[in-house]
Amino acid sequence: MNNIIKKPILTEKATLDSELNNRFAFVVDRNANKLEIKKEIERIYGVSVDSVRTMRYGGGKAKRKYTSKGIAEARIPLWKKAIVTVAEGETIDLYENI
């Protein structure tokens, strides 16, 4: 499976969580499981991963927009987020390629 890790999540909440609790958030492939995510993070960043938590977002009830041409409905796209806890004393530098 290629491209399991799509991109890191760089929000204020995720940054604070990485500074205080050594946890990093990533957008991952919807079909990836926790073991695949763990192996990919360890391979890309060279750190040891303690735990992985995953959440699925989107795809629920369609949103309705009332436009001049009528009612338009659109589903929210499906995506998956993984929060990775790294071993004590290790860190991931997400800003190195900017």
N, C-alpha and C. Protein backbone atom coordinates (compact mmCIF):
# COMPACT_ATOMS: atom_id res chain seq x y z
N MET A 1 0.85 -1.18 0.00
CA MET A 1 0.00 0.00 0.00
C MET A 1 0.90 1.24 0.00
N ASN A 2 0.69 2.12 -0.96
CA ASN A 2 1.48 3.33 -1.08
C ASN A 2 0.77 4.51 -0.44
N ASN A 3 1.57 5.47 -0.01
CA ASN A 3 1.06 6.75 0.50
C ASN A 3 0.05 6.57 1.63
N ILE A 4 0.45 5.88 2.68
CA ILE A 4 -0.43 5.72 3.84
C ILE A 4 -0.54 7.05 4.57
N ILE A 5 0.58 7.74 4.77
CA ILE A 5 0.58 9.04 5.44
C ILE A 5 0.43 10.11 4.37
N LYS A 6 -0.67 10.85 4.40
CA LYS A 6 -0.90 11.86 3.37
C LYS A 6 -0.28 13.20 3.74
N LYS A 7 -0.54 13.69 4.97
CA LYS A 7 0.05 14.95 5.39
C LYS A 7 -0.10 15.09 6.90
N PRO A 8 0.79 15.87 7.53
CA PRO A 8 0.62 16.15 8.96
C PRO A 8 -0.45 17.22 9.17
N ILE A 9 -1.05 17.20 10.33
CA ILE A 9 -2.04 18.22 10.69
C ILE A 9 -1.31 19.26 11.54
N LEU A 10 -1.26 20.49 11.05
CA LEU A 10 -0.51 21.56 11.71
C LEU A 10 -1.46 22.65 12.21
N THR A 11 -2.28 22.31 13.19
CA THR A 11 -3.18 23.27 13.81
C THR A 11 -2.63 23.66 15.17
N GLU A 12 -3.24 24.66 15.79
CA GLU A 12 -2.79 25.07 17.12
C GLU A 12 -2.96 23.95 18.14
N LYS A 13 -4.08 23.26 18.06
CA LYS A 13 -4.35 22.18 19.01
C LYS A 13 -3.37 21.02 18.82
N ALA A 14 -3.10 20.65 17.58
CA ALA A 14 -2.16 19.56 17.31
C ALA A 14 -0.74 19.94 17.71
N THR A 15 -0.35 21.19 17.48
CA THR A 15 0.98 21.64 17.86
C THR A 15 1.16 21.64 19.37
N LEU A 16 0.16 22.10 20.09
CA LEU A 16 0.22 22.10 21.55
C LEU A 16 0.28 20.67 22.09
N ASP A 17 -0.48 19.77 21.48
CA ASP A 17 -0.46 18.37 21.90
C ASP A 17 0.91 17.73 21.64
N SER A 18 1.57 18.13 20.55
CA SER A 18 2.89 17.57 20.27
C SER A 18 3.93 18.11 21.24
N GLU A 19 3.79 19.35 21.66
CA GLU A 19 4.75 19.93 22.60
C GLU A 19 4.57 19.39 24.02
N LEU A 20 3.33 19.21 24.45
CA LEU A 20 3.07 18.79 25.83
C LEU A 20 3.08 17.27 26.01
N ASN A 21 2.48 16.55 25.08
CA ASN A 21 2.25 15.11 25.28
C ASN A 21 2.99 14.20 24.30
N ASN A 22 3.81 14.78 23.41
CA ASN A 22 4.57 13.98 22.45
C ASN A 22 3.65 13.20 21.51
N ARG A 23 2.52 13.83 21.11
CA ARG A 23 1.57 13.21 20.18
C ARG A 23 1.50 14.05 18.92
N PHE A 24 1.47 13.38 17.77
CA PHE A 24 1.46 14.06 16.48
C PHE A 24 0.27 13.57 15.68
N ALA A 25 -0.37 14.48 14.94
CA ALA A 25 -1.57 14.15 14.17
C ALA A 25 -1.26 14.15 12.68
N PHE A 26 -1.83 13.17 11.97
CA PHE A 26 -1.63 13.01 10.53
C PHE A 26 -2.94 12.67 9.85
N VAL A 27 -3.11 13.13 8.61
CA VAL A 27 -4.18 12.65 7.74
C VAL A 27 -3.63 11.41 7.06
N VAL A 28 -4.36 10.31 7.15
CA VAL A 28 -3.88 9.03 6.61
C VAL A 28 -4.90 8.46 5.64
N ASP A 29 -4.49 7.42 4.94
CA ASP A 29 -5.37 6.73 4.01
C ASP A 29 -6.53 6.10 4.77
N ARG A 30 -7.73 6.17 4.19
CA ARG A 30 -8.92 5.67 4.88
C ARG A 30 -8.86 4.18 5.15
N ASN A 31 -8.17 3.43 4.32
CA ASN A 31 -8.15 1.97 4.46
C ASN A 31 -6.97 1.45 5.27
N ALA A 32 -6.11 2.34 5.76
CA ALA A 32 -4.95 1.91 6.53
C ALA A 32 -5.35 1.55 7.96
N ASN A 33 -4.73 0.50 8.50
CA ASN A 33 -5.00 0.15 9.89
C ASN A 33 -3.88 0.67 10.78
N LYS A 34 -4.01 0.47 12.08
CA LYS A 34 -3.06 1.03 13.04
C LYS A 34 -1.65 0.47 12.87
N LEU A 35 -1.53 -0.81 12.57
CA LEU A 35 -0.21 -1.41 12.41
C LEU A 35 0.51 -0.84 11.19
N GLU A 36 -0.21 -0.64 10.09
CA GLU A 36 0.41 -0.06 8.90
C GLU A 36 0.83 1.39 9.14
N ILE A 37 0.01 2.14 9.86
CA ILE A 37 0.35 3.53 10.18
C ILE A 37 1.59 3.57 11.06
N LYS A 38 1.66 2.69 12.05
CA LYS A 38 2.82 2.64 12.95
C LYS A 38 4.10 2.34 12.19
N LYS A 39 4.08 1.34 11.31
CA LYS A 39 5.26 0.97 10.54
C LYS A 39 5.71 2.11 9.62
N GLU A 40 4.75 2.79 9.01
CA GLU A 40 5.07 3.87 8.07
C GLU A 40 5.67 5.07 8.79
N ILE A 41 5.14 5.43 9.96
CA ILE A 41 5.70 6.55 10.74
C ILE A 41 7.11 6.20 11.20
N GLU A 42 7.33 4.99 11.67
CA GLU A 42 8.66 4.58 12.10
C GLU A 42 9.65 4.57 10.93
N ARG A 43 9.18 4.20 9.74
CA ARG A 43 10.06 4.17 8.58
C ARG A 43 10.40 5.58 8.09
N ILE A 44 9.41 6.46 8.02
CA ILE A 44 9.62 7.80 7.47
C ILE A 44 10.43 8.68 8.43
N TYR A 45 10.05 8.71 9.70
CA TYR A 45 10.64 9.65 10.65
C TYR A 45 11.72 9.04 11.54
N GLY A 46 11.89 7.73 11.55
CA GLY A 46 12.94 7.10 12.34
C GLY A 46 12.74 7.20 13.84
N VAL A 47 11.51 7.11 14.30
CA VAL A 47 11.20 7.16 15.73
C VAL A 47 10.47 5.88 16.11
N SER A 48 10.40 5.59 17.41
CA SER A 48 9.62 4.44 17.85
C SER A 48 8.27 4.93 18.35
N VAL A 49 7.22 4.29 17.88
CA VAL A 49 5.85 4.70 18.16
C VAL A 49 5.30 3.85 19.30
N ASP A 50 4.73 4.53 20.32
CA ASP A 50 4.10 3.81 21.43
C ASP A 50 2.68 3.39 21.11
N SER A 51 1.87 4.31 20.59
CA SER A 51 0.48 3.97 20.30
C SER A 51 -0.04 4.81 19.14
N VAL A 52 -1.10 4.29 18.52
CA VAL A 52 -1.76 4.98 17.41
C VAL A 52 -3.26 4.97 17.68
N ARG A 53 -3.87 6.15 17.58
CA ARG A 53 -5.33 6.26 17.69
C ARG A 53 -5.86 6.81 16.38
N THR A 54 -6.95 6.25 15.88
CA THR A 54 -7.50 6.68 14.61
C THR A 54 -8.93 7.15 14.76
N MET A 55 -9.32 8.09 13.90
CA MET A 55 -10.68 8.61 13.86
C MET A 55 -11.09 8.79 12.41
N ARG A 56 -12.36 8.53 12.11
CA ARG A 56 -12.88 8.73 10.76
C ARG A 56 -13.84 9.90 10.78
N TYR A 57 -13.74 10.73 9.76
CA TYR A 57 -14.56 11.94 9.66
C TYR A 57 -15.28 11.97 8.32
N GLY A 58 -16.40 12.71 8.29
CA GLY A 58 -17.12 12.97 7.05
C GLY A 58 -18.00 11.84 6.61
N GLY A 59 -18.64 12.05 5.46
CA GLY A 59 -19.46 11.02 4.84
C GLY A 59 -20.83 10.85 5.44
N GLY A 60 -21.21 11.70 6.36
CA GLY A 60 -22.50 11.56 7.02
C GLY A 60 -23.62 12.18 6.22
N LYS A 61 -24.47 12.88 6.91
CA LYS A 61 -25.63 13.50 6.30
C LYS A 61 -25.20 14.56 5.28
N ALA A 62 -25.89 14.60 4.16
CA ALA A 62 -25.55 15.54 3.10
C ALA A 62 -25.93 16.96 3.53
N LYS A 63 -25.07 17.92 3.17
CA LYS A 63 -25.36 19.32 3.45
C LYS A 63 -26.21 19.88 2.32
N ARG A 64 -27.12 20.76 2.67
CA ARG A 64 -27.97 21.39 1.68
C ARG A 64 -27.64 22.87 1.57
N LYS A 65 -27.55 23.31 0.33
CA LYS A 65 -27.36 24.72 0.05
C LYS A 65 -28.54 25.19 -0.79
N TYR A 66 -29.09 26.31 -0.41
CA TYR A 66 -30.19 26.88 -1.17
C TYR A 66 -29.63 27.94 -2.08
N THR A 67 -29.58 27.65 -3.38
CA THR A 67 -29.01 28.56 -4.35
C THR A 67 -30.11 29.13 -5.24
N SER A 68 -29.73 30.02 -6.13
CA SER A 68 -30.71 30.63 -7.04
C SER A 68 -31.22 29.62 -8.06
N LYS A 69 -30.48 28.54 -8.27
CA LYS A 69 -30.89 27.52 -9.24
C LYS A 69 -31.57 26.33 -8.58
N GLY A 70 -31.79 26.40 -7.28
CA GLY A 70 -32.46 25.32 -6.59
C GLY A 70 -31.66 24.82 -5.41
N ILE A 71 -32.00 23.64 -4.94
CA ILE A 71 -31.33 23.05 -3.79
C ILE A 71 -30.20 22.15 -4.27
N ALA A 72 -29.00 22.38 -3.72
CA ALA A 72 -27.85 21.55 -4.07
C ALA A 72 -27.42 20.78 -2.82
N GLU A 73 -27.24 19.48 -2.97
CA GLU A 73 -26.80 18.64 -1.86
C GLU A 73 -25.40 18.11 -2.14
N ALA A 74 -24.58 18.08 -1.11
CA ALA A 74 -23.22 17.55 -1.25
C ALA A 74 -22.82 16.84 0.03
N ARG A 75 -22.26 15.67 -0.13
CA ARG A 75 -21.76 14.93 1.02
C ARG A 75 -20.38 15.45 1.40
N ILE A 76 -20.07 15.34 2.68
CA ILE A 76 -18.76 15.72 3.17
C ILE A 76 -17.80 14.58 2.83
N PRO A 77 -16.62 14.88 2.26
CA PRO A 77 -15.70 13.79 1.90
C PRO A 77 -15.21 13.01 3.12
N LEU A 78 -15.01 11.72 2.90
CA LEU A 78 -14.49 10.85 3.96
C LEU A 78 -12.98 11.04 4.10
N TRP A 79 -12.50 11.11 5.35
CA TRP A 79 -11.07 11.15 5.61
C TRP A 79 -10.80 10.56 6.98
N LYS A 80 -9.54 10.19 7.22
CA LYS A 80 -9.16 9.52 8.46
C LYS A 80 -7.99 10.24 9.09
N LYS A 81 -8.05 10.42 10.40
CA LYS A 81 -6.98 11.08 11.15
C LYS A 81 -6.37 10.08 12.11
N ALA A 82 -5.04 10.14 12.23
CA ALA A 82 -4.33 9.28 13.17
C ALA A 82 -3.54 10.16 14.12
N ILE A 83 -3.65 9.87 15.41
CA ILE A 83 -2.85 10.55 16.42
C ILE A 83 -1.83 9.54 16.92
N VAL A 84 -0.56 9.87 16.71
CA VAL A 84 0.55 8.95 16.99
C VAL A 84 1.28 9.44 18.22
N THR A 85 1.44 8.58 19.22
CA THR A 85 2.22 8.88 20.41
C THR A 85 3.61 8.30 20.23
N VAL A 86 4.61 9.18 20.33
CA VAL A 86 6.00 8.80 20.12
C VAL A 86 6.63 8.51 21.48
N ALA A 87 7.65 7.64 21.51
CA ALA A 87 8.32 7.27 22.75
C ALA A 87 8.92 8.50 23.43
N GLU A 88 9.06 8.42 24.74
CA GLU A 88 9.60 9.52 25.54
C GLU A 88 11.02 9.87 25.10
N GLY A 89 11.28 11.14 24.92
CA GLY A 89 12.61 11.60 24.52
C GLY A 89 12.81 11.72 23.02
N GLU A 90 11.86 11.21 22.22
CA GLU A 90 11.94 11.31 20.77
C GLU A 90 10.93 12.33 20.28
N THR A 91 11.20 12.90 19.10
CA THR A 91 10.27 13.87 18.53
C THR A 91 10.31 13.78 17.01
N ILE A 92 9.28 14.33 16.38
CA ILE A 92 9.19 14.39 14.92
C ILE A 92 9.26 15.85 14.52
N ASP A 93 10.20 16.19 13.62
CA ASP A 93 10.32 17.55 13.13
C ASP A 93 9.48 17.67 11.87
N LEU A 94 8.28 18.26 12.01
CA LEU A 94 7.36 18.37 10.87
C LEU A 94 7.69 19.55 9.98
N TYR A 95 8.55 20.45 10.42
CA TYR A 95 8.84 21.67 9.67
C TYR A 95 10.14 21.60 8.89
N GLU A 96 10.77 20.44 8.80
CA GLU A 96 12.09 20.35 8.16
C GLU A 96 12.04 20.53 6.64
N ASN A 97 10.93 20.20 6.00
CA ASN A 97 10.86 20.27 4.54
C ASN A 97 10.17 21.53 4.03
N ILE A 98 9.94 22.48 4.89
CA ILE A 98 9.24 23.71 4.46
C ILE A 98 10.23 24.68 3.88
